[in-house]
Every structure is written in structure tokens, then in C-alpha cells.
Amino acid sequence: MACRLMGTERQVPAARTLALKVKRALRDQVGECLTCSIGLAPNVFLGKVGFDLQRPDGLVVITDGLVVITKTTCRRFCSASNCRRSTASVNA
């Protein structure tokens, strides 16, 4: 699931605080049996990259700075239908 933050929520400290509140509310209302990972980033793709970096119970903030995506990371995000084609272009 992706959420778009608005106004002052887009500032990193406020977004991080909101993410921690979501994680705490989930833990308090559901329990330890269900966890969530949250990736905060300037766009949905990078948010999903961040989310996947610290699963199953992480919080990753990616800012506008340089982000290095390795071959291993690219392979992890390939779908089953286009993985061979995507991996081949990464390895080229």
C-alpha cells in the first residue's frame, strides 16, 4: 500500500513520527503477530525499495540524495514475467 503525505507531513521528521505512530498503533491493536515495514521516499518506487530493505519490521527513510541500486536489489524487484529480460539488461 502506498500513501501520499501532504503539507508538513512531507518533512522527514514529521513523516518518520507518523510512520512510528502507525507501527505502534498496529502493534497495540493487533499484537506482535503482525508487523509492517515502512519506506519513506520522494516517490512510490523508492518507498517500495526502502520498505523491502528492512523487512519484516523496518522503517527506512530515503531522501533526495544519491541512491545506489545494486544488481542484487534489481533482481529482488523483478516480477516473474519479466525477470529474465530485466536481469539480462542489468548484467549487460
C-alpha atoms as a PDB file:
ATOM      1  CA  MET A   1       0.000   0.000   0.000  1.00  0.00           C
ATOM      2  CA  ALA A   2       1.269   3.491  -0.780  1.00  0.00           C
ATOM      3  CA  CYS A   3       0.206   6.712   0.940  1.00  0.00           C
ATOM      4  CA  ARG A   4       0.886  10.249  -0.198  1.00  0.00           C
ATOM      5  CA  LEU A   5       1.780  12.657   2.598  1.00  0.00           C
ATOM      6  CA  MET A   6       0.632  16.265   2.378  1.00  0.00           C
ATOM      7  CA  GLY A   7       1.875  19.589   3.733  1.00  0.00           C
ATOM      8  CA  THR A   8       4.172  19.442   6.748  1.00  0.00           C
ATOM      9  CA  GLU A   9       3.818  15.631   6.873  1.00  0.00           C
ATOM     10  CA  ARG A  10       6.250  15.555   3.915  1.00  0.00           C
ATOM     11  CA  GLN A  11       9.121  16.796   6.090  1.00  0.00           C
ATOM     12  CA  VAL A  12      11.301  13.876   7.168  1.00  0.00           C
ATOM     13  CA  PRO A  13      10.947  14.290  10.969  1.00  0.00           C
ATOM     14  CA  ALA A  14       7.142  14.558  10.743  1.00  0.00           C
ATOM     15  CA  ALA A  15       6.889  11.653   8.279  1.00  0.00           C
ATOM     16  CA  ARG A  16       9.108   9.489  10.479  1.00  0.00           C
ATOM     17  CA  THR A  17       6.998  10.316  13.552  1.00  0.00           C
ATOM     18  CA  LEU A  18       3.815   9.438  11.651  1.00  0.00           C
ATOM     19  CA  ALA A  19       5.334   6.145  10.466  1.00  0.00           C
ATOM     20  CA  LEU A  20       6.310   5.240  14.026  1.00  0.00           C
ATOM     21  CA  LYS A  21       2.749   6.038  15.186  1.00  0.00           C
ATOM     22  CA  VAL A  22       1.339   3.700  12.534  1.00  0.00           C
ATOM     23  CA  LYS A  23       3.710   0.913  13.582  1.00  0.00           C
ATOM     24  CA  ARG A  24       2.916   1.437  17.278  1.00  0.00           C
ATOM     25  CA  ALA A  25      -0.870   1.508  16.670  1.00  0.00           C
ATOM     26  CA  LEU A  26      -0.659  -1.706  14.668  1.00  0.00           C
ATOM     27  CA  ARG A  27       1.338  -3.391  17.429  1.00  0.00           C
ATOM     28  CA  ASP A  28      -1.003  -2.112  20.183  1.00  0.00           C
ATOM     29  CA  GLN A  29      -4.247  -3.036  18.410  1.00  0.00           C
ATOM     30  CA  VAL A  30      -3.240  -6.279  16.709  1.00  0.00           C
ATOM     31  CA  GLY A  31      -0.249  -7.529  18.666  1.00  0.00           C
ATOM     32  CA  GLU A  32       3.214  -8.815  17.855  1.00  0.00           C
ATOM     33  CA  CYS A  33       1.861 -11.384  15.390  1.00  0.00           C
ATOM     34  CA  LEU A  34       1.534  -8.751  12.623  1.00  0.00           C
ATOM     35  CA  THR A  35       4.364  -6.395  11.737  1.00  0.00           C
ATOM     36  CA  CYS A  36       4.859  -3.843   8.982  1.00  0.00           C
ATOM     37  CA  SER A  37       7.738  -2.292   7.131  1.00  0.00           C
ATOM     38  CA  ILE A  38       7.556   1.320   6.017  1.00  0.00           C
ATOM     39  CA  GLY A  39       9.649   3.035   3.355  1.00  0.00           C
ATOM     40  CA  LEU A  40       9.588   6.837   3.239  1.00  0.00           C
ATOM     41  CA  ALA A  41      10.839   8.380  -0.007  1.00  0.00           C
ATOM     42  CA  PRO A  42      10.138  11.111  -2.554  1.00  0.00           C
ATOM     43  CA  ASN A  43       8.307   8.668  -4.862  1.00  0.00           C
ATOM     44  CA  VAL A  44       6.454   5.356  -4.662  1.00  0.00           C
ATOM     45  CA  PHE A  45       9.202   3.279  -6.300  1.00  0.00           C
ATOM     46  CA  LEU A  46      11.882   4.403  -3.840  1.00  0.00           C
ATOM     47  CA  GLY A  47       9.424   3.976  -0.977  1.00  0.00           C
ATOM     48  CA  LYS A  48       8.950   0.357  -2.006  1.00  0.00           C
ATOM     49  CA  VAL A  49      12.725  -0.093  -2.285  1.00  0.00           C
ATOM     50  CA  GLY A  50      13.104   1.257   1.254  1.00  0.00           C
ATOM     51  CA  PHE A  51      10.262  -0.893   2.521  1.00  0.00           C
ATOM     52  CA  ASP A  52      11.926  -4.008   1.132  1.00  0.00           C
ATOM     53  CA  LEU A  53      15.340  -3.239   2.633  1.00  0.00           C
ATOM     54  CA  GLN A  54      14.283  -3.899   6.238  1.00  0.00           C
ATOM     55  CA  ARG A  55      11.529  -6.465   6.146  1.00  0.00           C
ATOM     56  CA  PRO A  56       9.573  -7.691   8.052  1.00  0.00           C
ATOM     57  CA  ASP A  57       9.512  -4.880  10.633  1.00  0.00           C
ATOM     58  CA  GLY A  58      11.569  -1.922   9.445  1.00  0.00           C
ATOM     59  CA  LEU A  59      11.458   1.796   8.817  1.00  0.00           C
ATOM     60  CA  VAL A  60      13.708   3.190   6.076  1.00  0.00           C
ATOM     61  CA  VAL A  61      13.932   6.833   5.014  1.00  0.00           C
ATOM     62  CA  ILE A  62      15.329   7.586   1.562  1.00  0.00           C
ATOM     63  CA  THR A  63      15.870  11.303   0.920  1.00  0.00           C
ATOM     64  CA  ASP A  64      16.568  13.123  -2.344  1.00  0.00           C
ATOM     65  CA  GLY A  65      20.231  12.143  -2.053  1.00  0.00           C
ATOM     66  CA  LEU A  66      22.022   9.678  -4.266  1.00  0.00           C
ATOM     67  CA  VAL A  67      20.551   6.196  -4.134  1.00  0.00           C
ATOM     68  CA  VAL A  68      22.631   3.291  -5.382  1.00  0.00           C
ATOM     69  CA  ILE A  69      20.640   0.307  -6.602  1.00  0.00           C
ATOM     70  CA  THR A  70      22.803  -2.780  -6.988  1.00  0.00           C
ATOM     71  CA  LYS A  71      22.298  -5.736  -9.292  1.00  0.00           C
ATOM     72  CA  THR A  72      21.074  -7.803  -6.345  1.00  0.00           C
ATOM     73  CA  THR A  73      18.464  -5.171  -5.481  1.00  0.00           C
ATOM     74  CA  CYS A  74      17.260  -5.063  -9.089  1.00  0.00           C
ATOM     75  CA  ARG A  75      16.838  -8.827  -9.155  1.00  0.00           C
ATOM     76  CA  ARG A  76      14.762  -8.697  -5.969  1.00  0.00           C
ATOM     77  CA  PHE A  77      12.253  -6.332  -7.615  1.00  0.00           C
ATOM     78  CA  CYS A  78      11.789  -8.214 -10.884  1.00  0.00           C
ATOM     79  CA  SER A  79       8.397  -9.744 -11.409  1.00  0.00           C
ATOM     80  CA  ALA A  80       8.225 -13.366 -12.504  1.00  0.00           C
ATOM     81  CA  SER A  81       7.090 -12.445 -16.018  1.00  0.00           C
ATOM     82  CA  ASN A  82       9.927 -10.065 -16.899  1.00  0.00           C
ATOM     83  CA  CYS A  83      12.732 -11.155 -14.572  1.00  0.00           C
ATOM     84  CA  ARG A  84      14.939 -12.734 -17.237  1.00  0.00           C
ATOM     85  CA  ARG A  85      14.693  -9.698 -19.511  1.00  0.00           C
ATOM     86  CA  SER A  86      15.323  -7.211 -16.656  1.00  0.00           C
ATOM     87  CA  THR A  87      18.199  -9.213 -15.188  1.00  0.00           C
ATOM     88  CA  ALA A  88      19.801  -9.566 -18.615  1.00  0.00           C
ATOM     89  CA  SER A  89      19.802  -5.790 -19.114  1.00  0.00           C
ATOM     90  CA  VAL A  90      21.248  -5.238 -15.621  1.00  0.00           C
ATOM     91  CA  ASN A  91      24.031  -7.743 -16.232  1.00  0.00           C
ATOM     92  CA  ALA A  92      24.938  -6.211 -19.617  1.00  0.00           C
END
